[in-house]
């Protein structure tokens, strides 16, 4: 298990790499300002997709974004 500090560091790095500094800040500001239930959001995000579709999307993403 990794520490909270490392999670925060990696999360911020990912946000900045993905969104850029300004949009990463905008994202964080929205999370702070608005009540947000990640679990509920995630359920709604994938409710119309089958497990096969979700898996296919994950495989496609990994192929397009190799590490």
PDB file of N, CA and C in Angstrom:
ATOM      1  N   UNK A   1       0.843  -1.171   0.000  1.00  0.00           N
ATOM      2  CA  UNK A   1       0.000   0.000   0.000  1.00  0.00           C
ATOM      3  C   UNK A   1       0.891   1.238   0.000  1.00  0.00           C
ATOM      4  N   UNK A   2       0.486   2.240  -0.810  1.00  0.00           N
ATOM      5  CA  UNK A   2       1.279   3.463  -0.882  1.00  0.00           C
ATOM      6  C   UNK A   2       0.667   4.542   0.006  1.00  0.00           C
ATOM      7  N   UNK A   3       1.486   5.495   0.376  1.00  0.00           N
ATOM      8  CA  UNK A   3       1.041   6.541   1.304  1.00  0.00           C
ATOM      9  C   UNK A   3       0.102   7.534   0.626  1.00  0.00           C
ATOM     10  N   UNK A   4      -0.642   8.269   1.436  1.00  0.00           N
ATOM     11  CA  UNK A   4      -1.539   9.300   0.919  1.00  0.00           C
ATOM     12  C   UNK A   4      -0.760  10.373   0.157  1.00  0.00           C
ATOM     13  N   UNK A   5       0.431  10.701   0.636  1.00  0.00           N
ATOM     14  CA  UNK A   5       1.245  11.723  -0.027  1.00  0.00           C
ATOM     15  C   UNK A   5       1.616  11.288  -1.442  1.00  0.00           C
ATOM     16  N   UNK A   6       1.949  10.028  -1.610  1.00  0.00           N
ATOM     17  CA  UNK A   6       2.304   9.520  -2.940  1.00  0.00           C
ATOM     18  C   UNK A   6       1.080   9.487  -3.841  1.00  0.00           C
ATOM     19  N   UNK A   7      -0.070   9.100  -3.289  1.00  0.00           N
ATOM     20  CA  UNK A   7      -1.312   9.116  -4.067  1.00  0.00           C
ATOM     21  C   UNK A   7      -1.612  10.534  -4.553  1.00  0.00           C
ATOM     22  N   UNK A   8      -1.474  11.511  -3.665  1.00  0.00           N
ATOM     23  CA  UNK A   8      -1.725  12.903  -4.039  1.00  0.00           C
ATOM     24  C   UNK A   8      -0.754  13.363  -5.133  1.00  0.00           C
ATOM     25  N   UNK A   9       0.510  13.022  -4.969  1.00  0.00           N
ATOM     26  CA  UNK A   9       1.518  13.411  -5.952  1.00  0.00           C
ATOM     27  C   UNK A   9       1.220  12.802  -7.320  1.00  0.00           C
ATOM     28  N   UNK A  10       0.945  11.498  -7.345  1.00  0.00           N
ATOM     29  CA  UNK A  10       0.666  10.819  -8.612  1.00  0.00           C
ATOM     30  C   UNK A  10      -0.629  11.329  -9.232  1.00  0.00           C
ATOM     31  N   UNK A  11      -1.632  11.581  -8.396  1.00  0.00           N
ATOM     32  CA  UNK A  11      -2.896  12.104  -8.896  1.00  0.00           C
ATOM     33  C   UNK A  11      -2.734  13.466  -9.532  1.00  0.00           C
ATOM     34  N   UNK A  12      -2.011  14.348  -8.860  1.00  0.00           N
ATOM     35  CA  UNK A  12      -1.784  15.689  -9.410  1.00  0.00           C
ATOM     36  C   UNK A  12      -0.980  15.610 -10.702  1.00  0.00           C
ATOM     37  N   UNK A  13       0.028  14.768 -10.703  1.00  0.00           N
ATOM     38  CA  UNK A  13       0.838  14.621 -11.919  1.00  0.00           C
ATOM     39  C   UNK A  13      -0.029  14.134 -13.077  1.00  0.00           C
ATOM     40  N   UNK A  14      -0.904  13.155 -12.811  1.00  0.00           N
ATOM     41  CA  UNK A  14      -1.789  12.638 -13.848  1.00  0.00           C
ATOM     42  C   UNK A  14      -2.748  13.704 -14.352  1.00  0.00           C
ATOM     43  N   UNK A  15      -3.325  14.466 -13.427  1.00  0.00           N
ATOM     44  CA  UNK A  15      -4.241  15.528 -13.830  1.00  0.00           C
ATOM     45  C   UNK A  15      -3.541  16.572 -14.696  1.00  0.00           C
ATOM     46  N   UNK A  16      -2.365  16.998 -14.266  1.00  0.00           N
ATOM     47  CA  UNK A  16      -1.635  18.028 -15.015  1.00  0.00           C
ATOM     48  C   UNK A  16      -1.218  17.498 -16.384  1.00  0.00           C
ATOM     49  N   UNK A  17      -0.749  16.259 -16.449  1.00  0.00           N
ATOM     50  CA  UNK A  17      -0.356  15.682 -17.741  1.00  0.00           C
ATOM     51  C   UNK A  17      -1.551  15.547 -18.675  1.00  0.00           C
ATOM     52  N   UNK A  18      -2.703  15.201 -18.127  1.00  0.00           N
ATOM     53  CA  UNK A  18      -3.894  14.978 -18.930  1.00  0.00           C
ATOM     54  C   UNK A  18      -4.602  16.272 -19.321  1.00  0.00           C
ATOM     55  N   UNK A  19      -4.711  17.184 -18.364  1.00  0.00           N
ATOM     56  CA  UNK A  19      -5.528  18.384 -18.566  1.00  0.00           C
ATOM     57  C   UNK A  19      -4.735  19.671 -18.728  1.00  0.00           C
ATOM     58  N   UNK A  20      -3.485  19.664 -18.311  1.00  0.00           N
ATOM     59  CA  UNK A  20      -2.718  20.907 -18.242  1.00  0.00           C
ATOM     60  C   UNK A  20      -2.930  21.539 -16.871  1.00  0.00           C
ATOM     61  N   UNK A  21      -2.056  22.454 -16.498  1.00  0.00           N
ATOM     62  CA  UNK A  21      -2.100  23.031 -15.153  1.00  0.00           C
ATOM     63  C   UNK A  21      -3.399  23.779 -14.865  1.00  0.00           C
ATOM     64  N   UNK A  22      -3.823  24.621 -15.795  1.00  0.00           N
ATOM     65  CA  UNK A  22      -5.010  25.444 -15.557  1.00  0.00           C
ATOM     66  C   UNK A  22      -6.262  24.575 -15.433  1.00  0.00           C
ATOM     67  N   UNK A  23      -6.459  23.641 -16.344  1.00  0.00           N
ATOM     68  CA  UNK A  23      -7.651  22.802 -16.289  1.00  0.00           C
ATOM     69  C   UNK A  23      -7.613  21.811 -15.122  1.00  0.00           C
ATOM     70  N   UNK A  24      -6.431  21.396 -14.711  1.00  0.00           N
ATOM     71  CA  UNK A  24      -6.332  20.548 -13.521  1.00  0.00           C
ATOM     72  C   UNK A  24      -6.819  21.328 -12.301  1.00  0.00           C
ATOM     73  N   UNK A  25      -6.429  22.576 -12.199  1.00  0.00           N
ATOM     74  CA  UNK A  25      -6.895  23.434 -11.102  1.00  0.00           C
ATOM     75  C   UNK A  25      -8.409  23.635 -11.171  1.00  0.00           C
ATOM     76  N   UNK A  26      -8.927  23.843 -12.377  1.00  0.00           N
ATOM     77  CA  UNK A  26     -10.377  24.006 -12.542  1.00  0.00           C
ATOM     78  C   UNK A  26     -11.109  22.750 -12.078  1.00  0.00           C
ATOM     79  N   UNK A  27     -10.581  21.577 -12.429  1.00  0.00           N
ATOM     80  CA  UNK A  27     -11.179  20.310 -12.025  1.00  0.00           C
ATOM     81  C   UNK A  27     -11.214  20.195 -10.504  1.00  0.00           C
ATOM     82  N   UNK A  28     -10.105  20.463  -9.862  1.00  0.00           N
ATOM     83  CA  UNK A  28     -10.035  20.372  -8.400  1.00  0.00           C
ATOM     84  C   UNK A  28     -10.993  21.360  -7.753  1.00  0.00           C
ATOM     85  N   UNK A  29     -11.054  22.565  -8.295  1.00  0.00           N
ATOM     86  CA  UNK A  29     -11.968  23.583  -7.752  1.00  0.00           C
ATOM     87  C   UNK A  29     -13.418  23.113  -7.831  1.00  0.00           C
ATOM     88  N   UNK A  30     -13.800  22.513  -8.936  1.00  0.00           N
ATOM     89  CA  UNK A  30     -15.178  22.006  -9.070  1.00  0.00           C
ATOM     90  C   UNK A  30     -15.453  20.902  -8.068  1.00  0.00           C
ATOM     91  N   UNK A  31     -14.498  20.027  -7.844  1.00  0.00           N
ATOM     92  CA  UNK A  31     -14.691  18.956  -6.863  1.00  0.00           C
ATOM     93  C   UNK A  31     -14.901  19.512  -5.464  1.00  0.00           C
ATOM     94  N   UNK A  32     -14.170  20.557  -5.148  1.00  0.00           N
ATOM     95  CA  UNK A  32     -14.266  21.157  -3.816  1.00  0.00           C
ATOM     96  C   UNK A  32     -15.587  21.900  -3.644  1.00  0.00           C
ATOM     97  N   UNK A  33     -16.013  22.620  -4.665  1.00  0.00           N
ATOM     98  CA  UNK A  33     -17.210  23.468  -4.579  1.00  0.00           C
ATOM     99  C   UNK A  33     -18.515  22.680  -4.574  1.00  0.00           C
ATOM    100  N   UNK A  34     -18.584  21.619  -5.358  1.00  0.00           N
ATOM    101  CA  UNK A  34     -19.840  20.912  -5.539  1.00  0.00           C
ATOM    102  C   UNK A  34     -19.807  19.571  -4.816  1.00  0.00           C
ATOM    103  N   UNK A  35     -20.911  19.211  -4.170  1.00  0.00           N
ATOM    104  CA  UNK A  35     -20.962  17.877  -3.572  1.00  0.00           C
ATOM    105  C   UNK A  35     -20.862  16.835  -4.692  1.00  0.00           C
ATOM    106  N   UNK A  36     -20.028  15.850  -4.501  1.00  0.00           N
ATOM    107  CA  UNK A  36     -19.755  14.892  -5.566  1.00  0.00           C
ATOM    108  C   UNK A  36     -19.637  13.498  -4.972  1.00  0.00           C
ATOM    109  N   UNK A  37     -20.470  12.592  -5.430  1.00  0.00           N
ATOM    110  CA  UNK A  37     -20.420  11.203  -4.991  1.00  0.00           C
ATOM    111  C   UNK A  37     -19.839  10.370  -6.130  1.00  0.00           C
ATOM    112  N   UNK A  38     -18.552  10.082  -6.043  1.00  0.00           N
ATOM    113  CA  UNK A  38     -17.858   9.365  -7.115  1.00  0.00           C
ATOM    114  C   UNK A  38     -18.501   8.022  -7.397  1.00  0.00           C
ATOM    115  N   UNK A  39     -18.880   7.291  -6.351  1.00  0.00           N
ATOM    116  CA  UNK A  39     -19.453   5.962  -6.535  1.00  0.00           C
ATOM    117  C   UNK A  39     -20.755   6.039  -7.325  1.00  0.00           C
ATOM    118  N   UNK A  40     -21.617   6.988  -6.974  1.00  0.00           N
ATOM    119  CA  UNK A  40     -22.878   7.162  -7.688  1.00  0.00           C
ATOM    120  C   UNK A  40     -22.619   7.580  -9.134  1.00  0.00           C
ATOM    121  N   UNK A  41     -21.696   8.501  -9.337  1.00  0.00           N
ATOM    122  CA  UNK A  41     -21.351   8.958 -10.680  1.00  0.00           C
ATOM    123  C   UNK A  41     -20.850   7.798 -11.532  1.00  0.00           C
ATOM    124  N   UNK A  42     -19.984   6.969 -10.964  1.00  0.00           N
ATOM    125  CA  UNK A  42     -19.408   5.855 -11.701  1.00  0.00           C
ATOM    126  C   UNK A  42     -20.482   4.843 -12.083  1.00  0.00           C
ATOM    127  N   UNK A  43     -21.411   4.562 -11.173  1.00  0.00           N
ATOM    128  CA  UNK A  43     -22.506   3.635 -11.494  1.00  0.00           C
ATOM    129  C   UNK A  43     -23.317   4.149 -12.667  1.00  0.00           C
ATOM    130  N   UNK A  44     -23.640   5.434 -12.664  1.00  0.00           N
ATOM    131  CA  UNK A  44     -24.413   6.023 -13.760  1.00  0.00           C
ATOM    132  C   UNK A  44     -23.617   6.053 -15.060  1.00  0.00           C
ATOM    133  N   UNK A  45     -22.326   6.247 -14.968  1.00  0.00           N
ATOM    134  CA  UNK A  45     -21.481   6.344 -16.149  1.00  0.00           C
ATOM    135  C   UNK A  45     -21.504   5.047 -16.955  1.00  0.00           C
ATOM    136  N   UNK A  46     -21.497   3.915 -16.265  1.00  0.00           N
ATOM    137  CA  UNK A  46     -21.387   2.629 -16.944  1.00  0.00           C
ATOM    138  C   UNK A  46     -22.684   1.818 -16.962  1.00  0.00           C
ATOM    139  N   UNK A  47     -23.800   2.380 -16.495  1.00  0.00           N
ATOM    140  CA  UNK A  47     -25.020   1.598 -16.355  1.00  0.00           C
ATOM    141  C   UNK A  47     -25.565   1.071 -17.680  1.00  0.00           C
ATOM    142  N   UNK A  48     -25.313   1.757 -18.782  1.00  0.00           N
ATOM    143  CA  UNK A  48     -25.839   1.298 -20.064  1.00  0.00           C
ATOM    144  C   UNK A  48     -24.871   0.375 -20.801  1.00  0.00           C
ATOM    145  N   UNK A  49     -23.723   0.080 -20.192  1.00  0.00           N
ATOM    146  CA  UNK A  49     -22.713  -0.759 -20.841  1.00  0.00           C
ATOM    147  C   UNK A  49     -22.661  -2.131 -20.193  1.00  0.00           C
ATOM    148  N   UNK A  50     -22.459  -3.152 -21.032  1.00  0.00           N
ATOM    149  CA  UNK A  50     -22.261  -4.504 -20.511  1.00  0.00           C
ATOM    150  C   UNK A  50     -20.818  -4.635 -20.034  1.00  0.00           C
ATOM    151  N   UNK A  51     -20.542  -5.679 -19.291  1.00  0.00           N
ATOM    152  CA  UNK A  51     -19.183  -5.917 -18.814  1.00  0.00           C
ATOM    153  C   UNK A  51     -18.235  -6.142 -20.001  1.00  0.00           C
ATOM    154  N   UNK A  52     -18.761  -6.747 -21.059  1.00  0.00           N
ATOM    155  CA  UNK A  52     -17.951  -6.980 -22.257  1.00  0.00           C
ATOM    156  C   UNK A  52     -17.577  -5.650 -22.923  1.00  0.00           C
ATOM    157  N   UNK A  53     -18.527  -4.713 -22.957  1.00  0.00           N
ATOM    158  CA  UNK A  53     -18.246  -3.399 -23.541  1.00  0.00           C
ATOM    159  C   UNK A  53     -17.223  -2.625 -22.707  1.00  0.00           C
ATOM    160  N   UNK A  54     -17.375  -2.676 -21.408  1.00  0.00           N
ATOM    161  CA  UNK A  54     -16.430  -1.993 -20.523  1.00  0.00           C
ATOM    162  C   UNK A  54     -15.040  -2.585 -20.701  1.00  0.00           C
ATOM    163  N   UNK A  55     -14.967  -3.918 -20.745  1.00  0.00           N
ATOM    164  CA  UNK A  55     -13.688  -4.591 -20.929  1.00  0.00           C
ATOM    165  C   UNK A  55     -13.068  -4.226 -22.274  1.00  0.00           C
ATOM    166  N   UNK A  56     -13.890  -4.204 -23.314  1.00  0.00           N
ATOM    167  CA  UNK A  56     -13.396  -3.837 -24.644  1.00  0.00           C
ATOM    168  C   UNK A  56     -12.832  -2.432 -24.670  1.00  0.00           C
ATOM    169  N   UNK A  57     -13.514  -1.505 -23.999  1.00  0.00           N
ATOM    170  CA  UNK A  57     -13.025  -0.130 -23.922  1.00  0.00           C
ATOM    171  C   UNK A  57     -11.689  -0.066 -23.175  1.00  0.00           C
ATOM    172  N   UNK A  58     -11.574  -0.842 -22.113  1.00  0.00           N
ATOM    173  CA  UNK A  58     -10.326  -0.859 -21.346  1.00  0.00           C
ATOM    174  C   UNK A  58      -9.182  -1.402 -22.193  1.00  0.00           C
ATOM    175  N   UNK A  59      -9.434  -2.463 -22.938  1.00  0.00           N
ATOM    176  CA  UNK A  59      -8.409  -3.047 -23.812  1.00  0.00           C
ATOM    177  C   UNK A  59      -8.008  -2.036 -24.887  1.00  0.00           C
ATOM    178  N   UNK A  60      -8.999  -1.397 -25.496  1.00  0.00           N
ATOM    179  CA  UNK A  60      -8.723  -0.387 -26.533  1.00  0.00           C
ATOM    180  C   UNK A  60      -7.872   0.743 -25.962  1.00  0.00           C
ATOM    181  N   UNK A  61      -8.231   1.231 -24.772  1.00  0.00           N
ATOM    182  CA  UNK A  61      -7.488   2.313 -24.138  1.00  0.00           C
ATOM    183  C   UNK A  61      -6.028   1.908 -23.908  1.00  0.00           C
ATOM    184  N   UNK A  62      -5.838   0.700 -23.391  1.00  0.00           N
ATOM    185  CA  UNK A  62      -4.465   0.227 -23.115  1.00  0.00           C
ATOM    186  C   UNK A  62      -3.632   0.127 -24.388  1.00  0.00           C
ATOM    187  N   UNK A  63      -4.264  -0.305 -25.475  1.00  0.00           N
ATOM    188  CA  UNK A  63      -3.536  -0.396 -26.748  1.00  0.00           C
ATOM    189  C   UNK A  63      -3.164   0.978 -27.280  1.00  0.00           C
ATOM    190  N   UNK A  64      -4.067   1.951 -27.095  1.00  0.00           N
ATOM    191  CA  UNK A  64      -3.827   3.299 -27.591  1.00  0.00           C
ATOM    192  C   UNK A  64      -2.916   4.109 -26.669  1.00  0.00           C
ATOM    193  N   UNK A  65      -2.762   3.673 -25.430  1.00  0.00           N
ATOM    194  CA  UNK A  65      -1.964   4.415 -24.448  1.00  0.00           C
ATOM    195  C   UNK A  65      -0.966   3.488 -23.756  1.00  0.00           C
ATOM    196  N   UNK A  66      -0.022   2.927 -24.534  1.00  0.00           N
ATOM    197  CA  UNK A  66       0.941   2.025 -23.894  1.00  0.00           C
ATOM    198  C   UNK A  66       1.841   2.768 -22.925  1.00  0.00           C
ATOM    199  N   UNK A  67       2.288   2.059 -21.930  1.00  0.00           N
ATOM    200  CA  UNK A  67       3.176   2.676 -20.937  1.00  0.00           C
ATOM    201  C   UNK A  67       4.566   2.189 -21.098  1.00  0.00           C
TER     202      UNK A  67
END
